[in-house]
Amino acid sequence: MKEIMIKSPPFGQLITASITPFDENGEIDWPSFEKLLDHLVTNGSESIILAGTTGERPTLTHQEEWDLLTRAKQKLNGKAKILLGTGSNCSKTSIEASCKAQELGADGLMLMTPYYNKPNQEGLKAHFSAIAKATKLPIMLYNNPGRTACTLEPETTEALHKEHENIIALKESTSSLDAYVLLGKSCPQLAVYSGDDGLLLPALSVGAAGVVSVGSHLVGQEIKELIRCALAGEREKAAIINSDLFGLFKALFASPSPGPVKHCLAQLGVCKPHLRLPLTPPDLSVQARLEDLLESRAKALGV
C-alpha cells in the first residue's frame, strides 16, 4: 500500500489532553503532576494540553490554570509543547485568559466553541476572530458539539484559518470525517486532529494530522506506532494495533471522563484517582473492566 504523504503537524502527531491530578483534599497534587508530565513525554507525547475537558477545567480556578502552565513549562523545559485551554462562552474572558497564557509562555492555545449560549456561525467567526487578533500564540480550534451543543462548521473553520495566520489547527471531536476531507482540500496548511482515539485510524486515511488523545496516558507509544504504520501504508499492522487498543479506548469513556483514565493511572502508580465534584469515580463494574484491560496489556508486554 502506498505511503500517505502528510504535512508536518504543528504540534506533532501525538498530543495528550492531560488530566489534572488531585489529592485527597481536592487540591492539585503537584508531585503527581510532575510525575505525570515525565510519564507522558516518556510515552511519546509531543504536545500536552492543560486545562482541557480531560483536565477538569470547569472546576479549576484561573490561578490553578496559570500555575499548571507555569510548572509544566519549568518541568519540561522544551521536551514537549504546552497548550492551554482558554476557550469560554464569554469572548472577553477567553481573550483575557489567552493573553495571560501568552504572557506565561504557553506554546499554543486550545479554544473550544462557546457552550450553552449556542452562537450561530457568524457569532463563532466573530468570537474566534477577536481572540486570534488579541494574541500571537498558535491556536487550535476545538469542535465538540456533544459537549458544547454548538457545532463549528468546516466552512467557518476555513474562513477563520484564511483570515488569521495563527489559527493553524482543529481538534475535531465528531463522528463525521467531513472536516478532514473538506478542509484538507480547501486549507492544506491547516492541521486537523482527531479528537477521538477510536476514530484515529479512519481519520488518518482521509488526512488527519494526528490525534488529541486520552488513551496516550496509557498507550502513547502504541498510538504513535499506529500512526506510523497507517501513514507508511502498513495497513494490516495498523489495523491489528487499532483492534488491540480499541477495547481500552471504549472503556476510557464507559464513565464520564477523566474518571476511567485516572483510575488506570492510579493502578499504575502515576497519580491518585481523585476527581472534583460533580464528577464521581467509575462504578465498580467499570473499574473491574479497566483493571482487566490493564492486566491483559501487561501480560502481552511480558510485564
Protein backbone atom coordinates (compact mmCIF):
# COMPACT_ATOMS: atom_id res chain seq x y z
CA MET A 1 0.00 0.00 0.00
CA LYS A 2 1.31 3.45 -0.91
CA GLU A 3 2.67 5.64 1.87
CA ILE A 4 0.43 8.57 2.78
CA MET A 5 2.14 11.93 2.41
CA ILE A 6 1.28 14.32 5.24
CA LYS A 7 2.36 17.84 6.10
CA SER A 8 4.43 18.30 9.24
CA PRO A 9 1.88 18.84 12.05
CA PRO A 10 2.50 21.99 14.11
CA PHE A 11 2.00 20.26 17.46
CA GLY A 12 3.34 16.85 16.47
CA GLN A 13 1.26 13.78 15.73
CA LEU A 14 0.53 12.71 19.32
CA ILE A 15 -1.00 15.31 21.62
CA THR A 16 -2.25 14.35 25.08
CA ALA A 17 -5.24 16.07 26.63
CA SER A 18 -3.84 15.80 30.14
CA ILE A 19 -5.65 15.06 33.36
CA THR A 20 -5.16 17.27 36.43
CA PRO A 21 -4.10 15.15 39.43
CA PHE A 22 -5.80 15.96 42.74
CA ASP A 23 -5.07 14.85 46.29
CA GLU A 24 -7.49 13.59 48.93
CA ASN A 25 -8.50 17.16 49.76
CA GLY A 26 -9.29 18.08 46.18
CA GLU A 27 -6.18 20.23 45.77
CA ILE A 28 -3.81 19.88 42.82
CA ASP A 29 -1.28 17.14 43.59
CA TRP A 30 1.89 18.84 42.36
CA PRO A 31 4.33 15.92 42.87
CA SER A 32 1.98 13.67 40.89
CA PHE A 33 1.62 16.34 38.22
CA GLU A 34 5.37 16.43 37.66
CA LYS A 35 5.47 12.63 37.63
CA LEU A 36 2.65 12.63 35.07
CA LEU A 37 4.50 15.05 32.79
CA ASP A 38 7.57 12.79 32.76
CA HIS A 39 5.33 9.80 32.11
CA LEU A 40 3.62 11.45 29.14
CA VAL A 41 6.84 12.58 27.47
CA THR A 42 8.46 9.18 28.00
CA ASN A 43 5.45 7.57 26.35
CA GLY A 44 5.55 9.69 23.21
CA SER A 45 3.52 12.85 23.80
CA GLU A 46 4.85 15.64 21.59
CA SER A 47 2.44 18.25 22.94
CA ILE A 48 0.36 18.36 26.12
CA ILE A 49 -2.91 20.23 26.59
CA LEU A 50 -3.56 21.54 30.09
CA ALA A 51 -6.91 22.72 31.44
CA GLY A 52 -8.99 20.97 28.82
CA THR A 53 -12.07 18.88 29.46
CA THR A 54 -9.91 15.92 30.47
CA GLY A 55 -8.12 18.25 32.87
CA GLU A 56 -11.44 19.06 34.59
CA ARG A 57 -11.16 22.71 33.59
CA PRO A 58 -14.74 23.57 34.62
CA THR A 59 -13.64 23.02 38.23
CA LEU A 60 -10.28 24.82 38.03
CA THR A 61 -9.72 28.41 39.11
CA HIS A 62 -7.85 30.72 36.74
CA GLN A 63 -4.95 30.79 39.20
CA GLU A 64 -4.75 27.00 39.12
CA GLU A 65 -4.66 27.13 35.31
CA TRP A 66 -1.78 29.62 35.40
CA ASP A 67 0.07 27.51 37.98
CA LEU A 68 -0.34 24.35 35.87
CA LEU A 69 1.09 26.13 32.84
CA THR A 70 4.00 27.69 34.74
CA ARG A 71 5.01 24.45 36.43
CA ALA A 72 4.71 22.43 33.23
CA LYS A 73 6.92 24.87 31.34
CA GLN A 74 9.53 24.75 34.10
CA LYS A 75 9.40 20.96 34.40
CA LEU A 76 9.54 20.04 30.72
CA ASN A 77 11.86 22.81 29.55
CA GLY A 78 11.00 22.29 25.88
CA LYS A 79 10.65 18.48 25.90
CA ALA A 80 7.05 18.91 24.73
CA LYS A 81 4.90 21.83 23.66
CA ILE A 82 2.37 23.05 26.20
CA LEU A 83 -1.06 24.26 25.10
CA LEU A 84 -3.56 25.78 27.49
CA GLY A 85 -7.32 25.51 27.20
CA THR A 86 -8.58 29.10 27.23
CA GLY A 87 -11.93 28.77 25.50
CA SER A 88 -15.06 30.16 27.10
CA ASN A 89 -18.63 31.10 26.28
CA CYS A 90 -17.64 34.68 27.09
CA SER A 91 -15.36 36.19 24.45
CA LYS A 92 -13.92 38.76 26.87
CA THR A 93 -12.98 36.05 29.38
CA SER A 94 -11.38 33.94 26.67
CA ILE A 95 -9.35 36.89 25.37
CA GLU A 96 -8.08 37.68 28.87
CA ALA A 97 -7.16 34.05 29.51
CA SER A 98 -5.42 33.74 26.14
CA CYS A 99 -3.35 36.87 26.73
CA LYS A 100 -2.35 35.57 30.17
CA ALA A 101 -1.31 32.23 28.63
CA GLN A 102 0.88 34.13 26.16
CA GLU A 103 2.43 36.13 29.00
CA LEU A 104 3.27 32.91 30.88
CA GLY A 105 4.93 31.26 27.90
CA ALA A 106 2.36 28.84 26.52
CA ASP A 107 3.26 27.31 23.15
CA GLY A 108 -0.33 27.44 21.95
CA LEU A 109 -3.99 27.67 22.84
CA MET A 110 -6.91 25.30 22.51
CA LEU A 111 -10.23 27.10 22.06
CA MET A 112 -13.49 25.20 22.43
CA THR A 113 -16.65 26.51 20.84
CA PRO A 114 -18.76 28.59 23.24
CA TYR A 115 -21.09 26.39 25.26
CA TYR A 116 -24.68 26.95 26.44
CA ASN A 117 -25.31 30.27 24.70
CA LYS A 118 -25.06 28.49 21.28
CA PRO A 119 -23.92 31.22 18.87
CA ASN A 120 -24.52 30.80 15.13
CA GLN A 121 -21.67 30.54 12.61
CA GLU A 122 -21.32 34.31 12.34
CA GLY A 123 -21.08 34.52 16.11
CA LEU A 124 -18.42 31.80 16.17
CA LYS A 125 -16.42 33.57 13.50
CA ALA A 126 -16.56 36.86 15.40
CA HIS A 127 -15.68 35.13 18.70
CA PHE A 128 -12.62 33.29 17.41
CA SER A 129 -11.51 36.26 15.32
CA ALA A 130 -11.49 38.50 18.39
CA ILE A 131 -9.30 36.03 20.29
CA ALA A 132 -6.94 35.46 17.35
CA LYS A 133 -6.41 39.22 16.99
CA ALA A 134 -5.61 39.56 20.70
CA THR A 135 -2.77 37.01 20.80
CA LYS A 136 0.17 35.91 18.70
CA LEU A 137 0.02 32.34 20.01
CA PRO A 138 -0.78 29.45 17.64
CA ILE A 139 -4.42 28.41 18.03
CA MET A 140 -6.12 25.03 17.85
CA LEU A 141 -9.88 25.35 17.47
CA TYR A 142 -11.91 22.62 19.19
CA ASN A 143 -15.17 21.31 17.73
CA ASN A 144 -17.05 19.10 20.18
CA PRO A 145 -20.81 19.66 19.80
CA GLY A 146 -21.56 16.72 22.07
CA ARG A 147 -20.26 18.75 24.99
CA THR A 148 -20.98 22.32 23.92
CA ALA A 149 -24.22 21.99 21.91
CA CYS A 150 -22.50 24.19 19.33
CA THR A 151 -21.06 22.97 16.01
CA LEU A 152 -18.17 24.65 14.22
CA GLU A 153 -18.81 24.02 10.53
CA PRO A 154 -15.87 23.35 8.16
CA GLU A 155 -16.71 26.45 6.13
CA THR A 156 -16.37 28.64 9.24
CA THR A 157 -13.08 26.98 10.16
CA GLU A 158 -11.84 27.60 6.62
CA ALA A 159 -12.74 31.30 6.80
CA LEU A 160 -11.03 31.69 10.19
CA HIS A 161 -7.87 29.91 9.05
CA LYS A 162 -7.57 32.03 5.92
CA GLU A 163 -8.16 35.26 7.83
CA HIS A 164 -5.87 34.59 10.81
CA GLU A 165 -2.39 33.14 10.33
CA ASN A 166 -2.23 31.96 13.96
CA ILE A 167 -5.29 29.68 13.60
CA ILE A 168 -3.36 26.64 12.49
CA ALA A 169 -5.14 23.55 13.82
CA LEU A 170 -8.51 21.99 14.60
CA LYS A 171 -9.41 19.29 17.08
CA GLU A 172 -12.39 17.50 15.53
CA SER A 173 -14.45 15.57 18.07
CA THR A 174 -17.35 14.37 15.98
CA SER A 175 -18.06 11.04 14.31
CA SER A 176 -18.00 12.68 10.88
CA LEU A 177 -14.99 12.61 8.56
CA ASP A 178 -16.24 15.62 6.57
CA ALA A 179 -13.89 18.16 8.17
CA TYR A 180 -10.77 16.18 7.26
CA VAL A 181 -11.81 15.86 3.64
CA LEU A 182 -13.22 19.35 3.10
CA LEU A 183 -10.52 21.23 5.00
CA GLY A 184 -7.76 19.06 3.57
CA LYS A 185 -8.76 20.33 0.14
CA SER A 186 -9.51 23.96 0.95
CA CYS A 187 -6.93 24.52 3.72
CA PRO A 188 -3.93 22.24 3.11
CA GLN A 189 -1.85 24.05 5.75
CA LEU A 190 -4.45 23.56 8.50
CA ALA A 191 -3.73 20.55 10.73
CA VAL A 192 -6.93 18.67 11.59
CA TYR A 193 -6.51 16.34 14.57
CA SER A 194 -8.82 13.53 15.59
CA GLY A 195 -10.32 14.20 18.99
CA ASP A 196 -11.36 10.56 19.38
CA ASP A 197 -8.80 7.77 19.81
CA GLY A 198 -11.26 5.23 18.44
CA LEU A 199 -11.66 7.16 15.17
CA LEU A 200 -7.97 7.87 14.66
CA LEU A 201 -7.31 5.16 12.09
CA PRO A 202 -10.13 6.11 9.66
CA ALA A 203 -9.33 9.80 10.23
CA LEU A 204 -5.71 9.22 9.20
CA SER A 205 -6.89 7.64 5.96
CA VAL A 206 -8.56 10.92 4.95
CA GLY A 207 -5.87 13.34 6.04
CA ALA A 208 -5.83 13.71 9.84
CA ALA A 209 -2.59 15.21 11.16
CA GLY A 210 -2.65 13.08 14.28
CA VAL A 211 -4.67 12.80 17.46
CA VAL A 212 -5.52 14.71 20.62
CA SER A 213 -5.62 11.67 22.84
CA VAL A 214 -6.80 10.48 26.22
CA GLY A 215 -5.56 6.93 25.66
CA SER A 216 -1.99 8.23 25.34
CA HIS A 217 -1.88 8.50 29.13
CA LEU A 218 -1.63 4.70 29.00
CA VAL A 219 -0.62 3.57 25.50
CA GLY A 220 1.17 6.50 23.95
CA GLN A 221 3.89 4.52 22.22
CA GLU A 222 1.34 2.12 20.74
CA ILE A 223 -0.68 5.04 19.37
CA LYS A 224 2.46 6.50 17.81
CA GLU A 225 3.16 3.16 16.15
CA LEU A 226 -0.43 3.03 14.90
CA ILE A 227 0.05 6.46 13.30
CA ARG A 228 3.40 5.45 11.81
CA CYS A 229 2.00 2.26 10.29
CA ALA A 230 -1.08 3.98 8.91
CA LEU A 231 0.94 6.72 7.23
CA ALA A 232 3.59 4.28 5.97
CA GLY A 233 0.97 2.19 4.21
CA GLU A 234 1.34 -0.77 6.57
CA ARG A 235 -2.39 -1.28 6.54
CA GLU A 236 -2.66 -4.71 8.17
CA LYS A 237 -0.31 -3.85 11.02
CA ALA A 238 -2.16 -0.60 11.69
CA ALA A 239 -5.46 -2.49 11.77
CA ILE A 240 -4.07 -5.01 14.26
CA ILE A 241 -2.79 -2.30 16.60
CA ASN A 242 -6.09 -0.45 16.36
CA SER A 243 -8.01 -3.63 17.15
CA ASP A 244 -5.78 -4.34 20.16
CA LEU A 245 -6.33 -0.85 21.56
CA PHE A 246 -9.99 -0.40 20.68
CA GLY A 247 -11.36 -2.05 23.82
CA LEU A 248 -9.32 0.27 26.01
CA PHE A 249 -10.37 3.33 24.01
CA LYS A 250 -14.02 2.43 24.57
CA ALA A 251 -13.56 1.61 28.26
CA LEU A 252 -11.96 5.01 28.93
CA PHE A 253 -15.33 6.58 28.16
CA ALA A 254 -17.55 3.98 29.81
CA SER A 255 -17.93 6.52 32.62
CA PRO A 256 -17.58 10.32 32.44
CA SER A 257 -14.00 11.23 31.56
CA PRO A 258 -11.46 11.56 33.14
CA GLY A 259 -12.69 9.14 35.81
CA PRO A 260 -11.64 5.97 33.94
CA VAL A 261 -8.20 7.19 32.87
CA LYS A 262 -7.49 8.49 36.38
CA HIS A 263 -8.43 5.08 37.78
CA CYS A 264 -5.97 3.44 35.38
CA LEU A 265 -3.19 5.88 36.20
CA ALA A 266 -3.73 5.20 39.89
CA GLN A 267 -3.34 1.47 39.21
CA LEU A 268 -0.03 2.26 37.51
CA GLY A 269 1.14 4.43 40.42
CA VAL A 270 1.29 7.67 38.41
CA CYS A 271 -1.27 9.63 40.43
CA LYS A 272 -4.29 9.20 42.67
CA PRO A 273 -7.77 8.65 41.18
CA HIS A 274 -9.46 11.65 42.81
CA LEU A 275 -11.93 13.80 40.87
CA ARG A 276 -13.60 17.08 41.71
CA LEU A 277 -17.37 17.18 42.07
CA PRO A 278 -19.67 16.96 40.21
CA LEU A 279 -17.63 14.08 38.74
CA THR A 280 -17.53 10.86 40.73
CA PRO A 281 -15.44 7.67 40.32
CA PRO A 282 -16.42 5.00 37.79
CA ASP A 283 -18.68 2.31 39.22
CA LEU A 284 -17.15 -0.98 40.31
CA SER A 285 -18.01 -2.80 37.08
CA VAL A 286 -16.18 -0.19 35.01
CA GLN A 287 -13.22 -0.27 37.40
CA ALA A 288 -13.02 -4.06 37.06
CA ARG A 289 -13.19 -3.80 33.26
CA LEU A 290 -10.36 -1.27 33.22
CA GLU A 291 -8.23 -3.36 35.55
CA ASP A 292 -8.74 -6.44 33.36
CA LEU A 293 -7.63 -4.48 30.30
CA LEU A 294 -4.52 -3.21 32.08
CA GLU A 295 -3.69 -6.71 33.29
CA SER A 296 -4.12 -8.16 29.80
CA ARG A 297 -1.88 -5.47 28.33
CA ALA A 298 0.79 -6.09 30.98
CA LYS A 299 0.78 -9.81 30.21
CA ALA A 300 1.03 -9.13 26.48
CA LEU A 301 4.07 -6.94 27.13
CA GLY A 302 5.56 -9.51 29.47
CA VAL A 303 5.47 -7.12 32.43
